Amino acid sequence: MSNTTAKYIRLSSEDDDLGENGKIESNSITNQRNLLDAFISRTPELADTDVIEFCDDGWSGKNFERPAVQEMIEQTKQGKIQCIVVKDLSRFGRDHLEAGTYIEKIFPVLGVRFIAINDHYDSLHRNPESDELIVPFKNLVNEAYCRDISIKTRSHLDIKRRNGDFIGAFPMYGYRKDPEDHNRLLIDEEAASVVQDIFQWKLDGISTQDIADRLNAAGVPTPMDYKTSQGMRYQTKFRKKADSAWCAKTILRILKNPIYIGTLEQGRVTTPTYRVKRQVNRPRSEWAIVENNHDAIIERNDFETIQRVLALDTRTSVGGAAVEFFSGLLFCGECGASMVRKTVSSGKKKYVYYICSAHKQDKTCCSAHRLRDITLNEIVLDSLKQQISNVIDLSDLLKMTDTAQLRQAGMQRLQKRLDQKRKEIDRAQLLLQSLYENLADGIIDRDDYKDLKAKYTRRRQEAENQADGIREEMRQELAGSSENREWMKQFRKYQNVTELDRAVVVTLIERIMLCKDHTVEIVFRWQNEYHWLVDLATRQAHSEQEVG
């Protein structure tokens, strides 16, 4: 059986050393191959052996999960390889423990000769006194280099994320990379039109599964198939079958992603260390979130409305794919329970009523009040028309009012809300700091500590998110007049409404209460802002009259 020599070559981006002309120098695949070939040819005992090349091009030396090195080691264990030659120890690997195990234990037991040319190491002619110290030290230096590169890379990527640079391999469906700047996102008009349809259908009350069925029936390519058709080598862990199809989960991921309002969220997951490749989720406070980073596909208010819709009761109507107009918004004005539909037959006719769900379950709960759907529709439509008219009149009035004074008053109001949220954040932080002391003093046990820590962390995060929202309101308030009050635009958009649909109901109405005296109380969205501005504009008008 003839002897076989394996020459192992490895190159990754972290090893690329650029010379003065911008060309990769000593570590290139070609230069490594030439160096190894020259060494083997001038070494008599190797020149006459069979030579096999193993190459990992584009693989890091952080661990040994590399295809070529694994194949080489497997053949070595099978006795097919008697000598391994590498350019230097770092080419073999940068994990000093694993590299040391192979070089100092496994290869000697297998009778395999190991040569690192530039490190002047040859296990056949080793010097026990020096090599036992130098080889582990060089392996340790190689790993330290790898750790240093990892830290610098993480830091560099984090800076890019916080500057709003997109660093992902593939942009989210609906966007494409700018050909001149791959860190910048541009709208992909073809895919963006599908995203807009998805959001509009959801506003119209269509369930996520029915949206998926519509897209499949229309033959619209899934995000994965679309990227593949654009020449991208795209793969996803969400694909379960060979035939790609739209599903409810895909629709939900799109509906919940703030990238479509111009907000870029990156850094959601990380790896504990450069050696551990298992991904872990990072707390939201550590994410890199940049608002207004790129052109939006969906209006912010529509996106926020969709998030409300996803949290509501979205049961579909009987025999249909659309959600009922008032699903998740209709409540009993007496006990607070949800109101449910009930169909009553009378002869050949059917009548639909809304009744209290608590009374339906237990006749002793609440009262047996009900209201016909036709009557409710008429009341809600008339009230909507009136509120839309009121908001438009207010918006026009604000254009003629002293906006500087209004803006000052608005900032004072927002500042009070922000101060309150800061107090909530500080209170939650103090509670978190005291938890460990309570655990150490035996006041609480470890289970209580974990539960309370999660609770206070969640409370602090919610307050921080709300504070961010208030700061955004303050930024808009500073930016200008009522034209920047986006919620007013929502009412103006529906100024010609003639009949109810799911979109107008969920966009403009917060909740509807039905009382036993057949009265209907409607809470419109942004109602507090509306009443505050009415009061402010009224006081401003009175002030101007007194001055006049």
Protein backbone atom coordinates (compact mmCIF):
# COMPACT_ATOMS: atom_id res chain seq x y z
CA MET A 1 0.00 0.00 0.00
CA SER A 2 1.51 3.34 -1.11
CA ASN A 3 1.82 6.25 1.23
CA THR A 4 -0.58 9.18 0.83
CA THR A 5 0.10 12.79 1.69
CA ALA A 6 -2.75 15.23 2.29
CA LYS A 7 -2.20 18.91 1.66
CA TYR A 8 -4.79 21.00 3.48
CA ILE A 9 -5.69 24.54 2.37
CA ARG A 10 -8.10 26.95 4.08
CA LEU A 11 -9.11 30.55 3.45
CA SER A 12 -11.83 32.72 4.96
CA SER A 13 -12.63 36.44 4.78
CA GLU A 14 -11.06 37.00 8.20
CA ASP A 15 -7.72 35.79 6.78
CA ASP A 16 -7.72 38.10 3.77
CA ASP A 17 -4.67 40.35 3.97
CA LEU A 18 -4.81 43.03 1.26
CA GLY A 19 -1.57 44.25 -0.25
CA GLU A 20 -0.78 47.66 -1.71
CA ASN A 21 -2.48 46.81 -5.00
CA GLY A 22 -5.62 45.59 -3.24
CA LYS A 23 -4.85 41.91 -4.00
CA ILE A 24 -5.08 39.14 -1.44
CA GLU A 25 -1.54 38.13 -0.61
CA SER A 26 0.06 35.23 1.25
CA ASN A 27 -3.05 33.39 2.41
CA SER A 28 -4.70 33.04 -1.01
CA ILE A 29 -5.69 29.57 -2.14
CA THR A 30 -3.27 29.73 -5.08
CA ASN A 31 -0.29 30.80 -2.97
CA GLN A 32 -0.99 28.15 -0.32
CA ARG A 33 -1.22 25.48 -3.02
CA ASN A 34 2.05 26.61 -4.66
CA LEU A 35 3.84 26.66 -1.30
CA LEU A 36 2.67 23.15 -0.39
CA ASP A 37 3.47 21.72 -3.84
CA ALA A 38 6.99 23.18 -3.73
CA PHE A 39 7.61 21.82 -0.23
CA ILE A 40 6.37 18.33 -1.12
CA SER A 41 8.42 18.21 -4.33
CA ARG A 42 11.66 19.08 -2.55
CA THR A 43 11.06 16.68 0.36
CA PRO A 44 12.32 13.24 -0.83
CA GLU A 45 10.13 11.10 1.45
CA LEU A 46 7.00 12.99 0.32
CA ALA A 47 7.75 13.54 -3.36
CA ASP A 48 7.05 9.90 -4.27
CA THR A 49 3.77 9.64 -2.30
CA ASP A 50 0.25 10.00 -3.64
CA VAL A 51 -0.91 13.56 -2.96
CA ILE A 52 -4.54 14.48 -2.18
CA GLU A 53 -5.71 18.05 -1.78
CA PHE A 54 -8.37 19.12 0.72
CA CYS A 55 -9.58 22.72 0.45
CA ASP A 56 -12.00 24.72 2.61
CA ASP A 57 -12.46 27.95 0.68
CA GLY A 58 -14.53 30.52 2.58
CA TRP A 59 -14.54 28.65 5.92
CA SER A 60 -13.45 30.10 9.24
CA GLY A 61 -10.89 28.32 11.39
CA LYS A 62 -12.89 29.00 14.58
CA ASN A 63 -13.95 25.37 14.76
CA PHE A 64 -13.54 22.11 12.88
CA GLU A 65 -17.06 21.96 11.41
CA ARG A 66 -15.59 22.31 7.91
CA PRO A 67 -16.39 19.80 5.14
CA ALA A 68 -12.88 19.33 3.74
CA VAL A 69 -11.10 19.05 7.09
CA GLN A 70 -13.75 16.60 8.32
CA GLU A 71 -13.29 14.45 5.21
CA MET A 72 -9.49 14.56 5.65
CA ILE A 73 -9.72 13.55 9.32
CA GLU A 74 -12.14 10.73 8.48
CA GLN A 75 -9.75 9.32 5.84
CA THR A 76 -6.90 9.69 8.34
CA LYS A 77 -8.79 7.60 10.89
CA GLN A 78 -9.38 4.97 8.19
CA GLY A 79 -5.61 4.75 7.62
CA LYS A 80 -5.77 6.21 4.10
CA ILE A 81 -3.52 9.20 4.90
CA GLN A 82 -0.06 9.00 6.45
CA CYS A 83 1.02 12.67 6.32
CA ILE A 84 -0.73 16.05 6.52
CA VAL A 85 0.94 19.25 5.29
CA VAL A 86 -0.38 22.78 5.93
CA LYS A 87 1.04 26.26 5.35
CA ASP A 88 0.96 27.07 9.08
CA LEU A 89 -0.88 26.04 12.23
CA SER A 90 -3.57 28.70 11.75
CA ARG A 91 -4.58 27.11 8.40
CA PHE A 92 -5.38 23.86 10.23
CA GLY A 93 -7.49 25.63 12.86
CA ARG A 94 -7.69 28.51 15.31
CA ASP A 95 -9.30 26.64 18.21
CA HIS A 96 -6.21 25.95 20.32
CA LEU A 97 -7.80 23.15 22.36
CA GLU A 98 -9.12 21.16 19.40
CA ALA A 99 -6.08 21.83 17.21
CA GLY A 100 -3.80 20.78 20.08
CA THR A 101 -5.80 17.59 20.62
CA TYR A 102 -5.35 16.53 17.00
CA ILE A 103 -1.68 17.51 16.74
CA GLU A 104 -0.49 16.23 20.14
CA LYS A 105 -2.78 13.23 20.74
CA ILE A 106 -4.87 11.92 17.86
CA PHE A 107 -2.38 12.13 14.99
CA PRO A 108 0.49 10.57 17.01
CA VAL A 109 -1.76 7.64 18.04
CA LEU A 110 -2.77 7.15 14.38
CA GLY A 111 0.86 7.34 13.29
CA VAL A 112 0.18 10.35 11.07
CA ARG A 113 2.95 12.86 10.38
CA PHE A 114 1.87 16.52 10.66
CA ILE A 115 3.85 19.37 9.07
CA ALA A 116 3.23 23.13 9.42
CA ILE A 117 5.76 24.66 7.00
CA ASN A 118 5.99 28.30 8.07
CA ASP A 119 5.90 27.38 11.76
CA HIS A 120 8.84 24.99 11.21
CA TYR A 121 6.93 22.17 12.85
CA ASP A 122 7.33 18.53 11.76
CA SER A 123 6.05 15.86 14.14
CA LEU A 124 8.55 13.35 12.68
CA HIS A 125 11.51 15.55 13.62
CA ARG A 126 10.01 17.36 16.59
CA ASN A 127 12.03 18.82 19.43
CA PRO A 128 10.22 17.78 22.65
CA GLU A 129 11.76 20.54 24.74
CA SER A 130 10.73 23.42 22.44
CA ASP A 131 7.71 22.07 20.56
CA GLU A 132 5.78 21.15 23.71
CA LEU A 133 5.89 24.84 24.63
CA ILE A 134 5.90 26.61 21.25
CA VAL A 135 3.14 24.68 19.45
CA PRO A 136 0.47 25.15 22.16
CA PHE A 137 1.52 28.80 22.46
CA LYS A 138 1.15 29.38 18.72
CA ASN A 139 -2.25 27.66 18.74
CA LEU A 140 -3.27 29.92 21.62
CA VAL A 141 -2.11 32.99 19.68
CA ASN A 142 -4.08 31.83 16.65
CA GLU A 143 -7.23 31.50 18.77
CA ALA A 144 -6.61 34.91 20.37
CA TYR A 145 -6.40 36.37 16.86
CA CYS A 146 -9.70 34.71 16.01
CA ARG A 147 -11.31 36.06 19.20
CA ASP A 148 -9.99 39.55 18.47
CA ILE A 149 -11.33 39.44 14.89
CA SER A 150 -14.72 38.28 16.24
CA ILE A 151 -14.91 41.18 18.71
CA LYS A 152 -13.95 43.72 16.04
CA THR A 153 -16.41 42.24 13.57
CA ARG A 154 -19.27 42.31 16.09
CA SER A 155 -18.47 45.90 17.01
CA HIS A 156 -18.26 46.95 13.36
CA LEU A 157 -21.56 45.28 12.50
CA ASP A 158 -23.28 46.81 15.53
CA ILE A 159 -22.16 50.30 14.44
CA LYS A 160 -23.51 49.66 10.94
CA ARG A 161 -26.84 48.45 12.33
CA ARG A 162 -27.26 51.51 14.54
CA ASN A 163 -26.41 53.75 11.58
CA GLY A 164 -29.31 52.18 9.69
CA ASP A 165 -27.18 50.08 7.32
CA PHE A 166 -28.91 46.87 6.28
CA ILE A 167 -26.44 44.04 6.84
CA GLY A 168 -28.60 41.01 6.12
CA ALA A 169 -27.87 38.65 3.26
CA PHE A 170 -31.40 39.03 1.84
CA PRO A 171 -33.83 41.95 2.27
CA MET A 172 -37.37 41.38 3.50
CA TYR A 173 -39.99 40.63 0.87
CA GLY A 174 -41.04 43.92 -0.72
CA TYR A 175 -37.56 45.42 -0.73
CA ARG A 176 -34.33 45.01 -2.69
CA LYS A 177 -30.77 46.15 -2.14
CA ASP A 178 -29.57 49.31 -3.81
CA PRO A 179 -27.16 48.16 -6.57
CA GLU A 180 -24.83 51.06 -5.70
CA ASP A 181 -25.03 50.57 -1.92
CA HIS A 182 -25.93 47.08 -0.67
CA ASN A 183 -26.53 48.43 2.84
CA ARG A 184 -29.45 50.56 1.59
CA LEU A 185 -32.97 49.26 0.96
CA LEU A 186 -35.11 50.24 -2.01
CA ILE A 187 -38.74 49.36 -2.65
CA ASP A 188 -39.28 46.41 -4.99
CA GLU A 189 -42.44 47.61 -6.72
CA GLU A 190 -43.65 44.17 -7.83
CA ALA A 191 -43.38 42.56 -4.40
CA ALA A 192 -44.45 45.76 -2.61
CA SER A 193 -47.80 45.71 -4.42
CA VAL A 194 -48.44 42.22 -2.96
CA VAL A 195 -47.54 43.50 0.52
CA GLN A 196 -49.99 46.38 0.13
CA ASP A 197 -52.72 43.95 -0.95
CA ILE A 198 -52.04 41.80 2.12
CA PHE A 199 -52.39 44.76 4.49
CA GLN A 200 -55.52 46.05 2.73
CA TRP A 201 -57.18 42.64 2.81
CA LYS A 202 -56.45 42.39 6.51
CA LEU A 203 -57.98 45.83 7.06
CA ASP A 204 -61.03 44.59 5.14
CA GLY A 205 -61.41 41.77 7.64
CA ILE A 206 -59.98 38.87 5.63
CA SER A 207 -58.35 36.17 7.76
CA THR A 208 -54.68 35.38 7.32
CA GLN A 209 -55.43 31.89 6.00
CA ASP A 210 -57.90 33.26 3.46
CA ILE A 211 -55.33 35.84 2.35
CA ALA A 212 -52.85 33.01 1.82
CA ASP A 213 -55.47 31.05 -0.15
CA ARG A 214 -56.13 34.08 -2.37
CA LEU A 215 -52.45 34.46 -3.18
CA ASN A 216 -52.05 30.74 -3.90
CA ALA A 217 -55.14 30.74 -6.15
CA ALA A 218 -53.78 33.76 -8.05
CA GLY A 219 -50.43 32.02 -8.55
CA VAL A 220 -48.47 34.72 -6.73
CA PRO A 221 -44.94 33.41 -5.95
CA THR A 222 -44.09 33.05 -2.27
CA PRO A 223 -41.31 35.26 -0.86
CA MET A 224 -38.85 32.38 -1.21
CA ASP A 225 -39.85 31.53 -4.78
CA TYR A 226 -39.84 35.21 -5.72
CA LYS A 227 -36.30 35.70 -4.40
CA THR A 228 -35.17 32.56 -6.21
CA SER A 229 -36.73 33.85 -9.45
CA GLN A 230 -34.67 37.03 -9.03
CA GLY A 231 -31.48 34.97 -9.08
CA MET A 232 -30.90 34.93 -5.31
CA ARG A 233 -29.52 31.78 -3.67
CA TYR A 234 -32.12 32.04 -0.94
CA GLN A 235 -33.05 29.45 1.66
CA THR A 236 -35.28 29.68 4.73
CA LYS A 237 -35.86 27.53 7.80
CA PHE A 238 -39.59 28.17 7.44
CA ARG A 239 -39.89 26.04 4.31
CA LYS A 240 -41.24 22.61 5.20
CA LYS A 241 -42.13 21.13 1.80
CA ALA A 242 -40.59 21.05 -1.66
CA ASP A 243 -43.58 22.89 -3.14
CA SER A 244 -43.58 26.40 -1.69
CA ALA A 245 -47.00 27.87 -0.88
CA TRP A 246 -48.35 30.85 1.01
CA CYS A 247 -49.56 30.05 4.52
CA ALA A 248 -51.08 31.95 7.46
CA LYS A 249 -47.74 32.14 9.29
CA THR A 250 -46.06 33.81 6.32
CA ILE A 251 -48.87 36.38 6.16
CA LEU A 252 -48.56 37.06 9.90
CA ARG A 253 -44.80 37.59 9.66
CA ILE A 254 -45.41 40.22 6.97
CA LEU A 255 -48.25 41.92 8.87
CA LYS A 256 -46.19 42.21 12.06
CA ASN A 257 -42.92 43.41 10.52
CA PRO A 258 -42.32 47.16 11.08
CA ILE A 259 -39.87 47.23 8.17
CA TYR A 260 -42.86 48.13 5.99
CA ILE A 261 -43.28 51.51 7.74
CA GLY A 262 -39.60 52.35 7.29
CA THR A 263 -38.39 51.00 10.65
CA LEU A 264 -35.32 48.77 10.48
CA GLU A 265 -34.92 46.30 13.37
CA GLN A 266 -31.68 44.31 13.44
CA GLY A 267 -29.63 42.40 15.98
CA ARG A 268 -32.54 40.37 17.35
CA VAL A 269 -30.37 37.26 17.76
CA THR A 270 -26.73 36.68 18.54
CA THR A 271 -24.29 33.93 19.45
CA PRO A 272 -22.94 33.73 23.03
CA THR A 273 -19.28 33.65 21.87
CA TYR A 274 -17.35 33.25 18.64
CA ARG A 275 -16.92 29.56 19.45
CA VAL A 276 -20.59 28.84 20.17
CA LYS A 277 -22.74 29.02 17.03
CA ARG A 278 -26.08 28.42 18.78
CA GLN A 279 -28.22 31.50 18.32
CA VAL A 280 -29.98 33.12 21.28
CA ASN A 281 -32.59 35.88 21.35
CA ARG A 282 -31.51 39.30 22.60
CA PRO A 283 -33.77 41.55 24.71
CA ARG A 284 -35.49 44.28 22.71
CA SER A 285 -33.52 46.94 24.58
CA GLU A 286 -30.36 45.63 22.84
CA TRP A 287 -31.80 45.61 19.32
CA ALA A 288 -30.62 48.17 16.78
CA ILE A 289 -33.86 49.98 15.87
CA VAL A 290 -33.77 52.87 13.37
CA GLU A 291 -37.04 54.58 12.48
CA ASN A 292 -37.66 56.36 9.17
CA ASN A 293 -34.65 54.49 7.80
CA HIS A 294 -36.00 53.78 4.32
CA ASP A 295 -39.08 54.41 2.18
CA ALA A 296 -42.24 52.94 3.68
CA ILE A 297 -44.59 50.62 1.80
CA ILE A 298 -47.40 50.91 4.39
CA GLU A 299 -48.62 54.02 6.21
CA ARG A 300 -47.78 54.04 9.91
CA ASN A 301 -51.39 54.44 11.05
CA ASP A 302 -52.53 51.55 8.85
CA PHE A 303 -49.75 49.40 10.33
CA GLU A 304 -50.74 50.32 13.89
CA THR A 305 -54.39 49.60 13.08
CA ILE A 306 -53.41 46.17 11.79
CA GLN A 307 -51.59 45.44 15.06
CA ARG A 308 -54.84 46.29 16.90
CA VAL A 309 -56.80 44.07 14.53
CA LEU A 310 -54.45 41.12 15.11
CA ALA A 311 -55.06 41.43 18.85
CA LEU A 312 -58.85 41.55 18.49
CA ASP A 313 -61.37 38.74 18.27
CA THR A 314 -61.16 37.87 14.59
CA ARG A 315 -63.79 35.20 14.20
CA THR A 316 -65.03 34.96 10.63
CA SER A 317 -68.63 35.59 9.69
CA VAL A 318 -70.97 32.66 9.13
CA GLY A 319 -70.43 31.22 5.66
CA GLY A 320 -67.87 33.84 4.69
CA ALA A 321 -64.16 34.61 4.75
CA ALA A 322 -64.42 38.17 6.08
CA VAL A 323 -64.50 39.13 9.73
CA GLU A 324 -67.66 40.82 11.03
CA PHE A 325 -67.54 44.64 11.04
CA PHE A 326 -67.60 44.86 14.84
CA SER A 327 -65.70 41.72 15.78
CA GLY A 328 -63.56 42.42 18.83
CA LEU A 329 -64.94 45.95 19.25
CA LEU A 330 -68.48 45.36 20.57
CA PHE A 331 -69.07 45.14 24.35
CA CYS A 332 -71.93 45.16 26.81
CA GLY A 333 -72.35 48.61 28.35
CA GLU A 334 -73.63 47.04 31.59
CA CYS A 335 -71.17 44.27 32.49
CA GLY A 336 -68.35 44.76 29.97
CA ALA A 337 -68.66 41.31 28.38
CA SER A 338 -68.44 40.97 24.62
CA MET A 339 -71.61 41.18 22.54
CA VAL A 340 -72.26 38.24 20.22
CA ARG A 341 -74.44 37.72 17.16
CA LYS A 342 -77.62 35.70 17.40
CA THR A 343 -79.83 34.79 14.45
CA VAL A 344 -83.57 34.48 15.06
CA SER A 345 -85.92 32.97 12.49
CA SER A 346 -89.47 34.28 12.07
CA GLY A 347 -91.34 32.57 9.30
CA LYS A 348 -89.17 32.74 6.20
CA LYS A 349 -87.23 35.71 7.47
CA LYS A 350 -84.11 35.76 9.63
CA TYR A 351 -83.18 38.56 11.99
CA VAL A 352 -79.75 39.17 13.45
CA TYR A 353 -79.32 40.61 16.94
CA TYR A 354 -76.39 41.40 19.20
CA ILE A 355 -76.76 40.08 22.74
CA CYS A 356 -74.58 40.01 25.87
CA SER A 357 -72.36 36.91 25.90
CA ALA A 358 -72.39 36.77 29.71
CA HIS A 359 -76.21 36.69 29.78
CA LYS A 360 -76.21 34.07 27.04
CA GLN A 361 -74.04 31.78 29.18
CA ASP A 362 -75.83 32.48 32.46
CA LYS A 363 -79.26 34.10 32.54
CA THR A 364 -78.58 35.44 36.03
CA CYS A 365 -75.69 37.50 34.70
CA CYS A 366 -76.44 40.94 33.31
CA SER A 367 -79.76 41.72 31.60
CA ALA A 368 -81.44 40.41 28.46
CA HIS A 369 -80.87 43.48 26.31
CA ARG A 370 -80.28 43.21 22.58
CA LEU A 371 -80.08 45.32 19.43
CA ARG A 372 -80.67 44.46 15.78
CA ASP A 373 -77.67 44.55 13.48
CA ILE A 374 -79.42 46.88 11.02
CA THR A 375 -80.13 49.38 13.78
CA LEU A 376 -76.57 49.21 15.08
CA ASN A 377 -75.15 49.70 11.59
CA GLU A 378 -77.25 52.83 11.09
CA ILE A 379 -76.27 54.29 14.48
CA VAL A 380 -72.55 53.62 13.96
CA LEU A 381 -72.55 54.97 10.40
CA ASP A 382 -74.33 58.21 11.43
CA SER A 383 -71.98 58.66 14.39
CA LEU A 384 -68.94 58.03 12.19
CA LYS A 385 -70.07 60.62 9.65
CA GLN A 386 -70.57 63.17 12.43
CA GLN A 387 -67.18 62.47 14.04
CA ILE A 388 -65.43 62.64 10.67
CA SER A 389 -67.08 66.02 10.02
CA ASN A 390 -66.07 67.25 13.50
CA VAL A 391 -62.44 66.22 13.04
CA ILE A 392 -62.22 67.85 9.59
CA ASP A 393 -63.73 71.08 10.97
CA LEU A 394 -61.24 70.99 13.86
CA SER A 395 -58.35 70.41 11.46
CA ASP A 396 -59.42 73.40 9.35
CA LEU A 397 -59.81 75.52 12.49
CA LEU A 398 -56.32 74.65 13.70
CA LYS A 399 -54.87 75.88 10.41
CA MET A 400 -56.22 79.36 11.20
CA THR A 401 -55.18 79.29 14.87
CA ASP A 402 -51.93 80.44 16.47
CA THR A 403 -49.98 77.21 15.91
CA ALA A 404 -47.03 78.38 18.02
CA GLN A 405 -49.16 78.53 21.18
CA LEU A 406 -50.87 75.27 20.33
CA ARG A 407 -47.50 73.61 19.79
CA GLN A 408 -46.17 74.91 23.10
CA ALA A 409 -49.21 73.62 24.96
CA GLY A 410 -48.93 70.31 23.14
CA MET A 411 -45.28 69.94 24.07
CA GLN A 412 -46.06 70.66 27.73
CA ARG A 413 -48.74 67.97 27.70
CA LEU A 414 -46.42 65.45 26.06
CA GLN A 415 -43.59 66.33 28.44
CA LYS A 416 -45.81 65.52 31.43
CA ARG A 417 -46.64 62.15 29.91
CA LEU A 418 -42.94 61.50 29.22
CA ASP A 419 -41.96 62.44 32.79
CA GLN A 420 -44.54 59.99 34.09
CA LYS A 421 -43.13 57.20 31.92
CA ARG A 422 -39.61 57.99 33.12
CA LYS A 423 -40.81 57.58 36.69
CA GLU A 424 -42.32 54.21 35.79
CA ILE A 425 -39.02 53.13 34.17
CA ASP A 426 -37.00 54.27 37.21
CA ARG A 427 -39.40 52.49 39.57
CA ALA A 428 -39.14 49.23 37.62
CA GLN A 429 -35.34 49.55 37.54
CA LEU A 430 -35.18 50.05 41.32
CA LEU A 431 -37.37 46.99 41.83
CA LEU A 432 -35.07 44.97 39.59
CA GLN A 433 -32.00 46.12 41.52
CA SER A 434 -33.55 45.21 44.85
CA LEU A 435 -34.57 41.73 43.70
CA TYR A 436 -31.09 40.22 43.96
CA GLU A 437 -30.64 41.64 47.45
CA ASN A 438 -33.96 40.10 48.47
CA LEU A 439 -32.82 36.77 47.02
CA ALA A 440 -29.48 36.95 48.81
CA ASP A 441 -31.19 37.84 52.12
CA GLY A 442 -33.60 34.93 51.78
CA ILE A 443 -36.68 37.16 51.52
CA ILE A 444 -37.66 35.48 48.26
CA ASP A 445 -36.67 32.14 46.74
CA ARG A 446 -35.15 31.60 43.30
CA ASP A 447 -38.48 30.82 41.60
CA ASP A 448 -40.00 34.04 42.92
CA TYR A 449 -36.87 35.87 41.83
CA LYS A 450 -37.21 34.62 38.25
CA ASP A 451 -40.93 35.40 38.08
CA LEU A 452 -40.54 38.89 39.54
CA LYS A 453 -37.52 39.65 37.40
CA ALA A 454 -39.46 38.73 34.25
CA LYS A 455 -42.43 40.79 35.42
CA TYR A 456 -40.42 43.94 36.24
CA THR A 457 -38.33 43.60 33.09
CA ARG A 458 -41.49 43.38 30.99
CA ARG A 459 -42.98 46.37 32.82
CA ARG A 460 -39.83 48.42 32.26
CA GLN A 461 -39.71 47.47 28.59
CA GLU A 462 -43.35 48.44 28.06
CA ALA A 463 -42.73 51.81 29.69
CA GLU A 464 -39.62 52.34 27.54
CA ASN A 465 -41.57 51.55 24.38
CA GLN A 466 -44.33 53.96 25.41
CA ALA A 467 -41.72 56.63 26.17
CA ASP A 468 -40.26 56.14 22.69
CA GLY A 469 -43.74 56.65 21.26
CA ILE A 470 -44.17 59.89 23.20
CA ARG A 471 -40.78 61.14 21.98
CA GLU A 472 -41.91 60.45 18.41
CA GLU A 473 -45.07 62.48 19.07
CA MET A 474 -42.92 65.32 20.41
CA ARG A 475 -40.76 65.16 17.30
CA GLN A 476 -43.84 65.41 15.10
CA GLU A 477 -45.23 68.24 17.23
CA LEU A 478 -42.01 70.19 16.76
CA ALA A 479 -42.06 69.48 13.05
CA GLY A 480 -45.12 71.60 12.32
CA SER A 481 -48.85 72.10 12.30
CA SER A 482 -51.95 69.96 12.16
CA GLU A 483 -50.75 68.52 8.85
CA ASN A 484 -48.39 66.42 10.99
CA ARG A 485 -51.25 65.05 13.09
CA GLU A 486 -51.52 61.81 11.18
CA TRP A 487 -54.62 60.66 13.02
CA MET A 488 -56.61 63.55 11.54
CA LYS A 489 -55.67 62.35 8.07
CA GLN A 490 -57.27 59.00 8.86
CA PHE A 491 -60.63 60.67 9.42
CA ARG A 492 -60.25 62.85 6.34
CA LYS A 493 -59.52 59.75 4.26
CA TYR A 494 -63.04 58.46 4.99
CA GLN A 495 -64.91 61.77 4.61
CA ASN A 496 -67.05 60.39 1.78
CA VAL A 497 -68.04 57.15 3.52
CA THR A 498 -71.57 55.99 2.65
CA GLU A 499 -71.59 52.51 4.17
CA LEU A 500 -69.71 50.55 6.79
CA ASP A 501 -66.91 48.13 6.12
CA ARG A 502 -64.33 46.48 8.34
CA ALA A 503 -61.55 48.87 7.33
CA VAL A 504 -63.30 52.08 8.38
CA VAL A 505 -64.58 50.53 11.61
CA VAL A 506 -61.21 49.25 12.88
CA THR A 507 -59.39 52.38 11.69
CA LEU A 508 -61.60 54.96 13.41
CA ILE A 509 -63.34 53.16 16.30
CA GLU A 510 -61.77 51.99 19.57
CA ARG A 511 -64.82 50.23 21.07
CA ILE A 512 -68.64 50.21 21.02
CA MET A 513 -70.84 49.66 24.10
CA LEU A 514 -74.48 48.57 23.92
CA CYS A 515 -76.59 49.47 26.95
CA LYS A 516 -79.89 47.98 28.15
CA ASP A 517 -81.82 51.14 27.28
CA HIS A 518 -80.78 50.55 23.63
CA THR A 519 -78.35 53.45 23.72
CA VAL A 520 -75.02 53.01 21.97
CA GLU A 521 -71.80 54.56 23.24
CA ILE A 522 -68.99 54.80 20.69
CA VAL A 523 -65.40 55.49 21.69
CA PHE A 524 -63.49 56.74 18.66
CA ARG A 525 -59.77 56.32 18.27
CA TRP A 526 -57.69 59.34 19.27
CA GLN A 527 -60.69 60.62 21.23
CA ASN A 528 -58.54 62.08 24.01
CA GLU A 529 -56.42 63.97 21.48
CA TYR A 530 -59.59 65.23 19.79
CA HIS A 531 -61.18 66.57 23.00
CA TRP A 532 -57.88 68.10 24.14
CA LEU A 533 -57.45 69.98 20.84
CA VAL A 534 -61.09 71.13 20.87
CA ASP A 535 -60.60 72.54 24.36
CA LEU A 536 -57.29 74.15 23.44
CA ALA A 537 -58.64 75.69 20.23
CA THR A 538 -61.71 77.00 22.10
CA ARG A 539 -59.58 78.65 24.78
CA GLN A 540 -57.30 80.09 22.10
CA ALA A 541 -60.30 81.56 20.24
CA HIS A 542 -61.65 83.12 23.46
CA SER A 543 -58.22 84.58 24.21
CA GLU A 544 -58.04 86.19 20.78
CA GLN A 545 -61.54 87.66 21.21
CA GLU A 546 -60.60 89.23 24.54
CA VAL A 547 -57.47 90.75 23.02
CA GLY A 548 -59.52 92.06 20.10
